[in-house]
Amino acid sequence: MSEPSRAVAQGTFDLLHPGHIHYLREAADYAEELHVIVARESNVTHKADPILSAEQRCDTVAALGVVDAVHLGDPEDIFVPIEQIAPDVIVLGYDQHHDADAIRGTLAERGLDCQVERASGREPAHDDELLSSGAIIDRVLDRRG
């Protein structure tokens, strides 16, 4: 089977950290092009609101060499960008709350032929490395708050 030509990764990408880089690099390995969908603040319902604006988060992700295109999520229907991008594979982050089977079901209902995979996790490279935006925020508040 040939490698898919277009992969999608998605997330909030607030305060970019090594865990994000690991995820995006792994997602890029699935295809020739990596498209990243950055969540709008209104769609982030499973955790605290992002610190950075959607525009800043898009700009930061777009600056990464592994990323070919960045898209801001749709305010009402998270599958709209998927329909526009028409990826061969969606790569979920290892700790993202999304239900892969539910996503597969919605893709099938919409007639989208797309694999759904889950990226691996990454262990900290050293004791002081933070792999979570929340942990970075907590450290800033602890040290400077």
Protein backbone atom coordinates (compact mmCIF):
# COMPACT_ATOMS: atom_id res chain seq x y z
CA MET A 1 0.00 0.00 0.00
CA SER A 2 1.35 3.39 -0.89
CA GLU A 3 1.81 6.10 1.70
CA PRO A 4 -1.08 8.56 2.00
CA SER A 5 -0.41 11.91 0.39
CA ARG A 6 -2.13 14.16 2.98
CA ALA A 7 -2.29 13.90 6.76
CA VAL A 8 -4.13 16.05 9.28
CA ALA A 9 -3.13 16.74 12.86
CA GLN A 10 -5.24 18.94 15.07
CA GLY A 11 -5.14 20.52 18.47
CA THR A 12 -5.09 23.68 20.53
CA PHE A 13 -1.29 24.13 20.37
CA ASP A 14 -1.25 26.64 23.19
CA LEU A 15 2.31 27.33 24.36
CA LEU A 16 4.06 25.03 21.91
CA HIS A 17 6.23 22.42 23.66
CA PRO A 18 8.29 19.30 22.82
CA GLY A 19 5.21 17.06 23.07
CA HIS A 20 3.57 19.05 20.28
CA ILE A 21 6.72 18.79 18.16
CA HIS A 22 6.82 15.01 18.67
CA TYR A 23 3.15 14.73 17.66
CA LEU A 24 3.53 16.84 14.52
CA ARG A 25 6.70 15.09 13.41
CA GLU A 26 5.03 11.72 13.81
CA ALA A 27 1.90 12.91 11.99
CA ALA A 28 4.08 14.15 9.12
CA ASP A 29 5.52 10.66 8.73
CA TYR A 30 2.11 9.41 7.57
CA ALA A 31 2.03 11.49 4.40
CA GLU A 32 3.79 13.78 1.98
CA GLU A 33 1.87 16.82 3.27
CA LEU A 34 0.94 17.70 6.83
CA HIS A 35 -2.05 19.96 7.38
CA VAL A 36 -2.68 21.16 10.92
CA ILE A 37 -6.05 22.34 12.20
CA VAL A 38 -5.74 24.74 15.13
CA ALA A 39 -8.79 24.81 17.39
CA ARG A 40 -10.73 27.99 17.90
CA GLU A 41 -11.08 29.04 21.54
CA SER A 42 -14.85 28.47 21.31
CA ASN A 43 -14.24 24.81 20.41
CA VAL A 44 -11.90 24.13 23.34
CA THR A 45 -14.37 22.72 25.84
CA HIS A 46 -12.36 19.93 27.46
CA LYS A 47 -9.78 22.13 29.21
CA ALA A 48 -9.08 25.73 30.18
CA ASP A 49 -9.26 28.36 27.45
CA PRO A 50 -6.04 28.89 25.52
CA ILE A 51 -3.67 31.61 26.73
CA LEU A 52 -2.64 32.63 23.22
CA SER A 53 -4.94 33.89 20.47
CA ALA A 54 -5.89 31.55 17.65
CA GLU A 55 -3.90 33.70 15.23
CA GLN A 56 -0.75 33.45 17.33
CA ARG A 57 -1.17 29.71 17.74
CA CYS A 58 -1.62 29.34 13.96
CA ASP A 59 1.46 31.47 13.26
CA THR A 60 3.58 29.45 15.69
CA VAL A 61 2.53 26.10 14.22
CA ALA A 62 2.99 27.40 10.66
CA ALA A 63 6.60 28.30 11.46
CA LEU A 64 7.50 24.64 11.99
CA GLY A 65 9.28 23.09 9.03
CA VAL A 66 7.33 19.84 9.31
CA VAL A 67 4.00 21.62 8.71
CA ASP A 68 2.84 22.31 5.16
CA ALA A 69 -0.40 24.18 5.88
CA VAL A 70 -2.30 25.50 8.90
CA HIS A 71 -6.07 25.89 9.07
CA LEU A 72 -8.18 27.50 11.75
CA GLY A 73 -10.95 25.20 12.89
CA ASP A 74 -14.55 25.87 11.91
CA PRO A 75 -16.55 27.64 14.63
CA GLU A 76 -19.51 25.26 14.37
CA ASP A 77 -18.53 22.01 12.67
CA ILE A 78 -15.12 20.51 13.35
CA PHE A 79 -15.41 18.31 10.25
CA VAL A 80 -15.65 21.24 7.77
CA PRO A 81 -11.85 21.61 7.49
CA ILE A 82 -11.53 17.83 7.10
CA GLU A 83 -13.95 17.95 4.16
CA GLN A 84 -11.96 20.82 2.62
CA ILE A 85 -8.53 19.22 3.12
CA ALA A 86 -9.65 15.70 2.14
CA PRO A 87 -6.85 13.93 4.02
CA ASP A 88 -5.90 10.30 3.66
CA VAL A 89 -5.24 10.05 7.38
CA ILE A 90 -6.11 11.95 10.54
CA VAL A 91 -3.49 11.52 13.25
CA LEU A 92 -4.76 12.09 16.77
CA GLY A 93 -2.43 13.05 19.58
CA TYR A 94 -1.72 10.24 22.02
CA ASP A 95 -3.53 11.98 24.89
CA GLN A 96 -6.23 13.83 22.97
CA HIS A 97 -9.75 13.25 24.27
CA HIS A 98 -11.17 12.34 20.85
CA ASP A 99 -12.87 8.98 20.36
CA ALA A 100 -11.24 7.47 17.27
CA ASP A 101 -14.21 5.15 16.58
CA ALA A 102 -16.70 8.04 16.78
CA ILE A 103 -14.54 10.01 14.34
CA ARG A 104 -14.43 7.03 11.97
CA GLY A 105 -18.22 6.81 12.17
CA THR A 106 -18.71 10.48 11.34
CA LEU A 107 -16.23 10.25 8.47
CA ALA A 108 -18.16 7.28 7.06
CA GLU A 109 -21.50 9.10 7.46
CA ARG A 110 -20.10 12.02 5.48
CA GLY A 111 -18.63 9.78 2.79
CA LEU A 112 -15.02 10.61 3.65
CA ASP A 113 -12.53 7.81 3.04
CA CYS A 114 -9.91 8.55 5.67
CA GLN A 115 -7.87 6.51 8.14
CA VAL A 116 -7.73 7.54 11.79
CA GLU A 117 -4.52 6.82 13.66
CA ARG A 118 -3.20 7.78 17.08
CA ALA A 119 0.34 9.12 17.59
CA SER A 120 2.61 7.70 20.24
CA GLY A 121 3.44 9.51 23.44
CA ARG A 122 6.81 10.94 24.31
CA GLU A 123 8.61 10.66 27.61
CA PRO A 124 10.45 13.73 28.95
CA ALA A 125 14.07 13.80 27.81
CA HIS A 126 15.15 14.98 31.27
CA ASP A 127 13.58 15.63 34.67
CA ASP A 128 13.02 19.32 34.01
CA GLU A 129 11.31 19.01 30.60
CA LEU A 130 7.62 19.92 30.45
CA LEU A 131 5.38 18.25 27.86
CA SER A 132 2.15 20.01 28.69
CA SER A 133 0.95 23.58 28.25
CA GLY A 134 -0.80 23.31 31.61
CA ALA A 135 2.45 22.25 33.30
CA ILE A 136 4.25 25.21 31.70
CA ILE A 137 1.56 27.59 32.95
CA ASP A 138 1.75 26.07 36.44
CA ARG A 139 5.53 26.55 36.50
CA VAL A 140 5.25 30.17 35.37
CA LEU A 141 2.67 30.88 38.05
CA ASP A 142 4.79 29.12 40.66
CA ARG A 143 7.96 30.98 39.75
CA ARG A 144 6.57 34.36 38.78
CA GLY A 145 3.00 34.48 40.05
